[in-house]
Amino acid sequence: MRARPGNGNGAHAVRGADRVRMSGEGNPRSRRRFDRRFHVLVGRVLRDLRHDKQWSLTQAGVAGGFYATNLIKHERGSRPLSLATLRSYLEAYGVTWELFGEQLHRLDSIRPSNLDPAYLNGLRREREAKGLNIFTGRTVTAKRMDQPSMSTTNRPAQPGVATLHVWCRKWLRYAPIMRWPALTTRSEA
């Protein structure tokens, strides 16, 4: 008897294989994008909002028009959450983005560094004077629009007729073959 996927035997019978695939952790490309810690924090905020309304998972699903099974996975942080889905949850709970952001900030506060603006302006001026990138402090790799372009060709400044003929023959070899229409002469004159 051959082992087929989904019948309980074989590599697909590994416990939790489907759960790993659905959470985005099985795909090496999405593994980098899926930040489990962040999704757990967002899920805690969603769970707190649902508890504030005193709704069950089913009641929240009916009110918002989404499946309760997806909501519980998002509340646990086991499935990636898109902004569109998050917006539908917030609309169902009647919560603004600002209130959601405040509650998320309470769980994981991000504090800006205490840098003096005068220090930052001085650093920017110093980097500008040295011709460096003002943000990274490295040499500028992009060409500025106001600088004249440098000519890097090995062509002579005043090519002669012989040189032009060589260039034309060279480029005609690479040109696509075109059929020219037959020249018609006018017999009426």
C-alpha atoms as a PDB file:
ATOM      1  CA  MET A   1       0.000   0.000   0.000  1.00  0.00           C
ATOM      2  CA  ARG A   2       1.441   3.374  -1.016  1.00  0.00           C
ATOM      3  CA  ALA A   3       1.651   6.191   1.493  1.00  0.00           C
ATOM      4  CA  ARG A   4      -0.343   9.198   0.348  1.00  0.00           C
ATOM      5  CA  PRO A   5      -0.268  12.639   1.902  1.00  0.00           C
ATOM      6  CA  GLY A   6      -3.019  13.231   4.388  1.00  0.00           C
ATOM      7  CA  ASN A   7      -3.915   9.636   5.287  1.00  0.00           C
ATOM      8  CA  GLY A   8      -1.990   9.517   8.561  1.00  0.00           C
ATOM      9  CA  ASN A   9       1.239   7.891   7.450  1.00  0.00           C
ATOM     10  CA  GLY A  10       4.374   9.232   5.864  1.00  0.00           C
ATOM     11  CA  ALA A  11       6.135  12.545   6.298  1.00  0.00           C
ATOM     12  CA  HIS A  12       2.849  14.445   6.435  1.00  0.00           C
ATOM     13  CA  ALA A  13       1.771  12.627   9.563  1.00  0.00           C
ATOM     14  CA  VAL A  14       4.297  14.487  11.681  1.00  0.00           C
ATOM     15  CA  ARG A  15       2.442  16.128  14.513  1.00  0.00           C
ATOM     16  CA  GLY A  16       2.209  19.864  14.039  1.00  0.00           C
ATOM     17  CA  ALA A  17       3.480  19.941  10.445  1.00  0.00           C
ATOM     18  CA  ASP A  18       0.366  21.714   9.212  1.00  0.00           C
ATOM     19  CA  ARG A  19       0.495  24.189  12.089  1.00  0.00           C
ATOM     20  CA  VAL A  20       4.096  25.126  11.248  1.00  0.00           C
ATOM     21  CA  ARG A  21       3.255  25.533   7.572  1.00  0.00           C
ATOM     22  CA  MET A  22       0.234  27.726   8.299  1.00  0.00           C
ATOM     23  CA  SER A  23       2.121  29.976  10.683  1.00  0.00           C
ATOM     24  CA  GLY A  24       4.597  30.903   7.974  1.00  0.00           C
ATOM     25  CA  GLU A  25       7.539  29.340   9.762  1.00  0.00           C
ATOM     26  CA  GLY A  26       7.925  26.442   7.345  1.00  0.00           C
ATOM     27  CA  ASN A  27       8.573  28.687   4.377  1.00  0.00           C
ATOM     28  CA  PRO A  28      12.174  30.006   4.475  1.00  0.00           C
ATOM     29  CA  ARG A  29      11.128  33.246   2.759  1.00  0.00           C
ATOM     30  CA  SER A  30       8.357  34.052   5.225  1.00  0.00           C
ATOM     31  CA  ARG A  31      10.417  32.956   8.228  1.00  0.00           C
ATOM     32  CA  ARG A  32      12.358  36.200   8.050  1.00  0.00           C
ATOM     33  CA  ARG A  33       9.207  38.310   7.803  1.00  0.00           C
ATOM     34  CA  PHE A  34       7.184  36.602  10.536  1.00  0.00           C
ATOM     35  CA  ASP A  35       8.109  38.225  13.836  1.00  0.00           C
ATOM     36  CA  ARG A  36       6.440  35.954  16.365  1.00  0.00           C
ATOM     37  CA  ARG A  37       7.124  38.246  19.330  1.00  0.00           C
ATOM     38  CA  PHE A  38       5.396  41.183  17.645  1.00  0.00           C
ATOM     39  CA  HIS A  39       2.406  39.063  16.618  1.00  0.00           C
ATOM     40  CA  VAL A  40       2.035  37.772  20.173  1.00  0.00           C
ATOM     41  CA  LEU A  41       1.896  41.362  21.476  1.00  0.00           C
ATOM     42  CA  VAL A  42      -0.698  42.342  18.868  1.00  0.00           C
ATOM     43  CA  GLY A  43      -2.684  39.229  19.770  1.00  0.00           C
ATOM     44  CA  ARG A  44      -2.644  40.177  23.449  1.00  0.00           C
ATOM     45  CA  VAL A  45      -4.072  43.579  22.566  1.00  0.00           C
ATOM     46  CA  LEU A  46      -6.772  41.966  20.437  1.00  0.00           C
ATOM     47  CA  ARG A  47      -7.643  39.559  23.246  1.00  0.00           C
ATOM     48  CA  ASP A  48      -7.863  42.455  25.734  1.00  0.00           C
ATOM     49  CA  LEU A  49     -10.143  44.385  23.391  1.00  0.00           C
ATOM     50  CA  ARG A  50     -12.403  41.361  23.012  1.00  0.00           C
ATOM     51  CA  HIS A  51     -12.479  40.857  26.793  1.00  0.00           C
ATOM     52  CA  ASP A  52     -13.348  44.549  27.288  1.00  0.00           C
ATOM     53  CA  LYS A  53     -16.423  43.986  25.107  1.00  0.00           C
ATOM     54  CA  GLN A  54     -17.105  40.756  27.049  1.00  0.00           C
ATOM     55  CA  TRP A  55     -17.489  38.825  23.802  1.00  0.00           C
ATOM     56  CA  SER A  56     -16.731  35.205  23.167  1.00  0.00           C
ATOM     57  CA  LEU A  57     -14.785  34.177  20.094  1.00  0.00           C
ATOM     58  CA  THR A  58     -18.004  33.295  18.285  1.00  0.00           C
ATOM     59  CA  GLN A  59     -19.671  36.584  19.186  1.00  0.00           C
ATOM     60  CA  ALA A  60     -16.647  38.545  17.955  1.00  0.00           C
ATOM     61  CA  GLY A  61     -16.674  36.554  14.726  1.00  0.00           C
ATOM     62  CA  VAL A  62     -20.360  37.230  14.132  1.00  0.00           C
ATOM     63  CA  ALA A  63     -19.967  40.942  14.904  1.00  0.00           C
ATOM     64  CA  GLY A  64     -16.981  41.361  12.594  1.00  0.00           C
ATOM     65  CA  GLY A  65     -17.832  38.859   9.880  1.00  0.00           C
ATOM     66  CA  PHE A  66     -14.741  36.690  10.331  1.00  0.00           C
ATOM     67  CA  TYR A  67     -14.036  33.177  11.521  1.00  0.00           C
ATOM     68  CA  ALA A  68     -13.458  32.642  15.224  1.00  0.00           C
ATOM     69  CA  THR A  69     -10.781  30.050  14.472  1.00  0.00           C
ATOM     70  CA  ASN A  70      -8.698  32.663  12.671  1.00  0.00           C
ATOM     71  CA  LEU A  71      -9.214  35.136  15.502  1.00  0.00           C
ATOM     72  CA  ILE A  72      -7.898  32.721  18.133  1.00  0.00           C
ATOM     73  CA  LYS A  73      -4.819  31.995  15.990  1.00  0.00           C
ATOM     74  CA  HIS A  74      -4.175  35.722  15.658  1.00  0.00           C
ATOM     75  CA  GLU A  75      -4.708  36.265  19.389  1.00  0.00           C
ATOM     76  CA  ARG A  76      -2.133  33.563  20.149  1.00  0.00           C
ATOM     77  CA  GLY A  77       0.310  35.016  17.624  1.00  0.00           C
ATOM     78  CA  SER A  78       0.652  31.728  15.770  1.00  0.00           C
ATOM     79  CA  ARG A  79      -0.467  33.086  12.396  1.00  0.00           C
ATOM     80  CA  PRO A  80       0.778  36.195  10.575  1.00  0.00           C
ATOM     81  CA  LEU A  81      -1.672  39.062  10.676  1.00  0.00           C
ATOM     82  CA  SER A  82      -2.204  41.403   7.748  1.00  0.00           C
ATOM     83  CA  LEU A  83      -3.146  45.046   8.136  1.00  0.00           C
ATOM     84  CA  ALA A  84      -6.469  44.456   6.392  1.00  0.00           C
ATOM     85  CA  THR A  85      -7.393  41.729   8.873  1.00  0.00           C
ATOM     86  CA  LEU A  86      -6.264  43.861  11.799  1.00  0.00           C
ATOM     87  CA  ARG A  87      -8.411  46.704  10.494  1.00  0.00           C
ATOM     88  CA  SER A  88     -11.467  44.435  10.317  1.00  0.00           C
ATOM     89  CA  TYR A  89     -10.873  43.350  13.924  1.00  0.00           C
ATOM     90  CA  LEU A  90     -10.579  46.958  15.090  1.00  0.00           C
ATOM     91  CA  GLU A  91     -13.729  47.943  13.204  1.00  0.00           C
ATOM     92  CA  ALA A  92     -15.617  45.078  14.830  1.00  0.00           C
ATOM     93  CA  TYR A  93     -14.482  46.207  18.282  1.00  0.00           C
ATOM     94  CA  GLY A  94     -15.128  49.876  17.506  1.00  0.00           C
ATOM     95  CA  VAL A  95     -11.545  50.876  18.309  1.00  0.00           C
ATOM     96  CA  THR A  96      -9.447  53.505  16.536  1.00  0.00           C
ATOM     97  CA  TRP A  97      -5.875  53.016  15.403  1.00  0.00           C
ATOM     98  CA  GLU A  98      -4.738  55.496  18.058  1.00  0.00           C
ATOM     99  CA  LEU A  99      -6.296  53.520  20.909  1.00  0.00           C
ATOM    100  CA  PHE A 100      -4.881  50.289  19.515  1.00  0.00           C
ATOM    101  CA  GLY A 101      -1.450  51.921  19.269  1.00  0.00           C
ATOM    102  CA  GLU A 102      -1.651  53.170  22.866  1.00  0.00           C
ATOM    103  CA  GLN A 103      -2.477  49.711  24.176  1.00  0.00           C
ATOM    104  CA  LEU A 104       0.317  48.158  22.113  1.00  0.00           C
ATOM    105  CA  HIS A 105       2.709  50.825  23.405  1.00  0.00           C
ATOM    106  CA  ARG A 106       1.815  49.926  26.999  1.00  0.00           C
ATOM    107  CA  LEU A 107       2.878  46.336  26.375  1.00  0.00           C
ATOM    108  CA  ASP A 108       6.045  47.170  24.420  1.00  0.00           C
ATOM    109  CA  SER A 109       7.069  50.786  24.831  1.00  0.00           C
ATOM    110  CA  ILE A 110       9.474  52.232  22.310  1.00  0.00           C
ATOM    111  CA  ARG A 111      11.367  55.156  23.705  1.00  0.00           C
ATOM    112  CA  PRO A 112      13.224  57.539  21.416  1.00  0.00           C
ATOM    113  CA  SER A 113      16.862  58.108  22.241  1.00  0.00           C
ATOM    114  CA  ASN A 114      17.689  61.300  24.105  1.00  0.00           C
ATOM    115  CA  LEU A 115      19.825  63.078  21.526  1.00  0.00           C
ATOM    116  CA  ASP A 116      20.228  66.812  21.407  1.00  0.00           C
ATOM    117  CA  PRO A 117      18.964  68.315  18.098  1.00  0.00           C
ATOM    118  CA  ALA A 118      21.936  70.712  18.079  1.00  0.00           C
ATOM    119  CA  TYR A 119      24.300  67.722  18.124  1.00  0.00           C
ATOM    120  CA  LEU A 120      22.446  66.117  15.206  1.00  0.00           C
ATOM    121  CA  ASN A 121      22.557  69.352  13.177  1.00  0.00           C
ATOM    122  CA  GLY A 122      26.296  69.694  13.828  1.00  0.00           C
ATOM    123  CA  LEU A 123      26.872  66.109  12.745  1.00  0.00           C
ATOM    124  CA  ARG A 124      24.868  66.717   9.562  1.00  0.00           C
ATOM    125  CA  ARG A 125      26.860  69.878   8.727  1.00  0.00           C
ATOM    126  CA  GLU A 126      30.151  68.070   9.350  1.00  0.00           C
ATOM    127  CA  ARG A 127      29.168  65.216   7.021  1.00  0.00           C
ATOM    128  CA  GLU A 128      27.995  67.645   4.346  1.00  0.00           C
ATOM    129  CA  ALA A 129      31.331  69.498   4.515  1.00  0.00           C
ATOM    130  CA  LYS A 130      33.241  66.222   4.018  1.00  0.00           C
ATOM    131  CA  GLY A 131      30.988  65.206   1.119  1.00  0.00           C
ATOM    132  CA  LEU A 132      29.583  62.190   2.979  1.00  0.00           C
ATOM    133  CA  ASN A 133      26.048  60.885   3.135  1.00  0.00           C
ATOM    134  CA  ILE A 134      24.339  62.881   5.909  1.00  0.00           C
ATOM    135  CA  PHE A 135      22.445  59.856   7.239  1.00  0.00           C
ATOM    136  CA  THR A 136      25.019  57.076   7.143  1.00  0.00           C
ATOM    137  CA  GLY A 137      28.316  58.990   7.192  1.00  0.00           C
ATOM    138  CA  ARG A 138      29.659  56.897   4.300  1.00  0.00           C
ATOM    139  CA  THR A 139      30.900  58.114   0.953  1.00  0.00           C
ATOM    140  CA  VAL A 140      28.199  59.105  -1.460  1.00  0.00           C
ATOM    141  CA  THR A 141      27.610  56.472  -4.112  1.00  0.00           C
ATOM    142  CA  ALA A 142      24.814  58.158  -6.038  1.00  0.00           C
ATOM    143  CA  LYS A 143      25.670  60.922  -8.473  1.00  0.00           C
ATOM    144  CA  ARG A 144      24.196  64.305  -7.707  1.00  0.00           C
ATOM    145  CA  MET A 145      22.086  65.930 -10.388  1.00  0.00           C
ATOM    146  CA  ASP A 146      23.919  69.283 -10.285  1.00  0.00           C
ATOM    147  CA  GLN A 147      27.340  67.778 -10.994  1.00  0.00           C
ATOM    148  CA  PRO A 148      28.464  67.457 -14.642  1.00  0.00           C
ATOM    149  CA  SER A 149      28.767  63.915 -15.865  1.00  0.00           C
ATOM    150  CA  MET A 150      32.246  62.556 -16.513  1.00  0.00           C
ATOM    151  CA  SER A 151      32.899  61.163 -19.959  1.00  0.00           C
ATOM    152  CA  THR A 152      34.434  57.691 -19.696  1.00  0.00           C
ATOM    153  CA  THR A 153      34.641  56.791 -23.365  1.00  0.00           C
ATOM    154  CA  ASN A 154      37.875  56.085 -25.239  1.00  0.00           C
ATOM    155  CA  ARG A 155      36.630  57.758 -28.407  1.00  0.00           C
ATOM    156  CA  PRO A 156      38.584  60.601 -29.926  1.00  0.00           C
ATOM    157  CA  ALA A 157      37.108  64.061 -29.490  1.00  0.00           C
ATOM    158  CA  GLN A 158      37.070  64.758 -33.266  1.00  0.00           C
ATOM    159  CA  PRO A 159      36.624  61.427 -35.039  1.00  0.00           C
ATOM    160  CA  GLY A 160      37.668  61.266 -38.641  1.00  0.00           C
ATOM    161  CA  VAL A 161      35.664  59.870 -41.498  1.00  0.00           C
ATOM    162  CA  ALA A 162      37.510  56.554 -41.360  1.00  0.00           C
ATOM    163  CA  THR A 163      36.685  56.138 -37.673  1.00  0.00           C
ATOM    164  CA  LEU A 164      33.007  56.870 -38.297  1.00  0.00           C
ATOM    165  CA  HIS A 165      32.944  54.234 -41.050  1.00  0.00           C
ATOM    166  CA  VAL A 166      34.433  51.644 -38.670  1.00  0.00           C
ATOM    167  CA  TRP A 167      31.841  52.477 -36.000  1.00  0.00           C
ATOM    168  CA  CYS A 168      28.995  52.291 -38.495  1.00  0.00           C
ATOM    169  CA  ARG A 169      30.130  48.887 -39.807  1.00  0.00           C
ATOM    170  CA  LYS A 170      30.477  47.627 -36.236  1.00  0.00           C
ATOM    171  CA  TRP A 171      26.994  48.735 -35.198  1.00  0.00           C
ATOM    172  CA  LEU A 172      25.366  47.568 -38.416  1.00  0.00           C
ATOM    173  CA  ARG A 173      26.504  44.033 -37.583  1.00  0.00           C
ATOM    174  CA  TYR A 174      24.468  44.193 -34.379  1.00  0.00           C
ATOM    175  CA  ALA A 175      21.461  45.855 -35.976  1.00  0.00           C
ATOM    176  CA  PRO A 176      18.447  43.685 -36.660  1.00  0.00           C
ATOM    177  CA  ILE A 177      17.879  42.614 -40.251  1.00  0.00           C
ATOM    178  CA  MET A 178      15.289  44.814 -41.842  1.00  0.00           C
ATOM    179  CA  ARG A 179      13.641  44.460 -45.200  1.00  0.00           C
ATOM    180  CA  TRP A 180      13.441  47.741 -47.019  1.00  0.00           C
ATOM    181  CA  PRO A 181      10.488  48.357 -49.261  1.00  0.00           C
ATOM    182  CA  ALA A 182      11.232  48.127 -52.922  1.00  0.00           C
ATOM    183  CA  LEU A 183      11.937  51.461 -54.526  1.00  0.00           C
ATOM    184  CA  THR A 184       9.407  52.349 -57.123  1.00  0.00           C
ATOM    185  CA  THR A 185      10.248  54.665 -59.919  1.00  0.00           C
ATOM    186  CA  ARG A 186       7.717  57.020 -61.302  1.00  0.00           C
ATOM    187  CA  SER A 187       7.115  56.583 -64.941  1.00  0.00           C
ATOM    188  CA  GLU A 188       4.933  59.633 -64.937  1.00  0.00           C
ATOM    189  CA  ALA A 189       6.985  62.717 -65.249  1.00  0.00           C
END
